[in-house]
Amino acid sequence: MNKNIHLFLRHLFIFITVAATIGGIHVRNGAFGYIVTGAIFALAMMFVPSVIKFFKLPVNFSAQILIGTLVSILIFFSYRYLVLGFIDFGGTVLGGNVGGLVELPRVELDKLGTVLYGALIASLLSAIMQETGKKSN
């Protein structure tokens, strides 16, 4: 499979995973909505290594998280204008009773917090997948 197609699909699946698991990210129009918004996210995230090289930073794990988070935040905020009606961000709750005897501190996030949290998780997953992809080649 072509390397760019593989990279695109990897970021598409990362977006779908993040959007489906974070309660404050609401994608409408079913699978079509996930594919449209995920494709825009994937195309933007494919350019993260080029942006890192542009700023003369070493292409490593921490730089990918830093630049990836910034790109993800920009994409999530631009969804309001790019894909009207496909995605919406709202508040979410992290933690609380996760089952059994384990209880994590409860944190309530507003719309901005949900965007920042989603962007951080998406860039973290992207950087992890990028690093593990390097090791297996």
Protein backbone atom coordinates (compact mmCIF):
# COMPACT_ATOMS: atom_id res chain seq x y z
CA MET A 1 0.00 0.00 0.00
CA ASN A 2 1.23 3.47 -0.79
CA LYS A 3 2.82 5.20 2.23
CA ASN A 4 0.61 8.31 1.88
CA ILE A 5 -2.58 6.24 1.74
CA HIS A 6 -1.47 4.34 4.83
CA LEU A 7 -0.73 7.60 6.65
CA PHE A 8 -4.10 9.06 5.59
CA LEU A 9 -6.01 6.00 6.81
CA ARG A 10 -4.08 5.98 10.08
CA HIS A 11 -5.09 9.57 10.83
CA LEU A 12 -8.65 8.94 9.68
CA PHE A 13 -8.98 6.07 12.16
CA ILE A 14 -7.37 8.16 14.92
CA PHE A 15 -9.98 10.88 14.37
CA ILE A 16 -12.85 8.39 14.34
CA THR A 17 -11.55 6.82 17.57
CA VAL A 18 -11.19 10.17 19.34
CA ALA A 19 -14.54 11.50 18.12
CA ALA A 20 -16.36 8.32 19.09
CA THR A 21 -14.87 8.03 22.58
CA ILE A 22 -14.96 11.64 23.83
CA GLY A 23 -18.47 12.48 24.94
CA GLY A 24 -18.34 16.18 24.02
CA ILE A 25 -17.58 15.61 20.33
CA HIS A 26 -20.79 15.01 18.39
CA VAL A 27 -20.53 13.98 14.73
CA ARG A 28 -23.78 14.05 12.79
CA ASN A 29 -24.85 12.25 9.60
CA GLY A 30 -23.56 8.86 10.72
CA ALA A 31 -20.62 7.24 8.96
CA PHE A 32 -20.61 9.86 6.21
CA GLY A 33 -20.08 12.62 8.80
CA TYR A 34 -17.20 10.72 10.37
CA ILE A 35 -15.56 10.19 6.98
CA VAL A 36 -15.90 13.83 5.87
CA THR A 37 -14.62 15.34 9.12
CA GLY A 38 -12.01 12.61 9.52
CA ALA A 39 -10.70 13.17 5.98
CA ILE A 40 -10.13 16.86 6.67
CA PHE A 41 -8.36 16.00 9.92
CA ALA A 42 -6.25 13.31 8.21
CA LEU A 43 -5.17 15.64 5.38
CA ALA A 44 -4.09 18.31 7.86
CA MET A 45 -2.23 15.86 10.12
CA MET A 46 -0.31 14.42 7.16
CA PHE A 47 1.59 17.72 6.96
CA VAL A 48 2.77 17.74 10.60
CA PRO A 49 6.26 16.34 9.78
CA SER A 50 6.68 19.02 7.09
CA VAL A 51 5.68 21.75 9.54
CA ILE A 52 8.18 20.38 12.07
CA LYS A 53 10.94 20.44 9.46
CA PHE A 54 9.93 23.98 8.41
CA PHE A 55 10.57 25.25 11.95
CA LYS A 56 13.92 23.41 11.98
CA LEU A 57 12.86 21.18 14.87
CA PRO A 58 13.98 17.57 15.15
CA VAL A 59 11.25 15.19 14.00
CA ASN A 60 10.83 13.31 17.25
CA PHE A 61 8.05 12.23 19.59
CA SER A 62 7.78 15.49 21.57
CA ALA A 63 7.82 17.70 18.47
CA GLN A 64 5.09 15.58 16.90
CA ILE A 65 2.93 15.99 20.01
CA LEU A 66 3.54 19.76 20.16
CA ILE A 67 2.92 20.55 16.49
CA GLY A 68 0.24 17.85 16.18
CA THR A 69 -1.71 19.37 19.06
CA LEU A 70 -1.53 22.84 17.53
CA VAL A 71 -2.65 21.55 14.12
CA SER A 72 -5.47 19.54 15.74
CA ILE A 73 -6.70 22.59 17.65
CA LEU A 74 -6.72 24.65 14.46
CA ILE A 75 -8.62 21.94 12.60
CA PHE A 76 -11.16 21.45 15.39
CA PHE A 77 -11.84 25.21 15.54
CA SER A 78 -12.03 25.48 11.75
CA TYR A 79 -14.65 22.71 11.56
CA ARG A 80 -17.19 25.38 12.44
CA TYR A 81 -16.58 27.01 9.03
CA LEU A 82 -15.38 24.09 6.86
CA VAL A 83 -18.01 21.41 7.47
CA LEU A 84 -21.17 23.10 8.62
CA GLY A 85 -23.56 20.77 10.36
CA PHE A 86 -21.30 17.71 10.51
CA ILE A 87 -19.59 18.17 13.87
CA ASP A 88 -20.33 19.98 17.10
CA PHE A 89 -18.36 20.36 20.32
CA GLY A 90 -19.92 20.53 23.76
CA GLY A 91 -19.00 19.96 27.35
CA THR A 92 -17.94 16.57 28.69
CA VAL A 93 -17.06 14.92 31.97
CA LEU A 94 -13.82 13.04 32.60
CA GLY A 95 -13.33 10.64 35.46
CA GLY A 96 -15.85 9.78 38.13
CA ASN A 97 -16.81 6.20 38.93
CA VAL A 98 -15.27 3.98 36.27
CA GLY A 99 -16.60 0.77 37.72
CA GLY A 100 -15.98 -1.35 40.75
CA LEU A 101 -13.85 0.11 43.50
CA VAL A 102 -11.99 2.57 41.28
CA GLU A 103 -13.08 6.20 41.32
CA LEU A 104 -11.14 8.92 39.53
CA PRO A 105 -11.43 12.63 40.26
CA ARG A 106 -14.31 14.12 38.29
CA VAL A 107 -13.37 16.89 35.85
CA GLU A 108 -16.00 18.79 33.87
CA LEU A 109 -14.83 20.34 30.60
CA ASP A 110 -16.58 23.06 28.65
CA LYS A 111 -16.50 23.40 24.85
CA LEU A 112 -12.93 24.77 24.78
CA GLY A 113 -11.73 22.09 27.19
CA THR A 114 -13.25 19.39 25.00
CA VAL A 115 -11.46 20.76 21.93
CA LEU A 116 -8.13 20.96 23.77
CA TYR A 117 -8.52 17.49 25.29
CA GLY A 118 -9.53 15.96 21.94
CA ALA A 119 -6.63 17.64 20.16
CA LEU A 120 -4.13 16.43 22.76
CA ILE A 121 -5.40 12.84 22.65
CA ALA A 122 -5.46 12.83 18.82
CA SER A 123 -1.90 14.15 18.55
CA LEU A 124 -0.69 11.75 21.25
CA LEU A 125 -2.18 8.78 19.37
CA SER A 126 -0.72 10.09 16.11
CA ALA A 127 2.76 10.45 17.61
CA ILE A 128 2.60 6.97 19.17
CA MET A 129 1.53 5.41 15.87
CA GLN A 130 4.24 7.34 14.02
CA GLU A 131 6.95 6.14 16.43
CA THR A 132 5.80 2.53 16.40
CA GLY A 133 5.67 2.67 12.59
CA LYS A 134 9.32 3.76 12.51
CA LYS A 135 10.39 0.90 14.73
CA SER A 136 8.66 -1.79 12.64
CA ASN A 137 10.22 -0.68 9.33
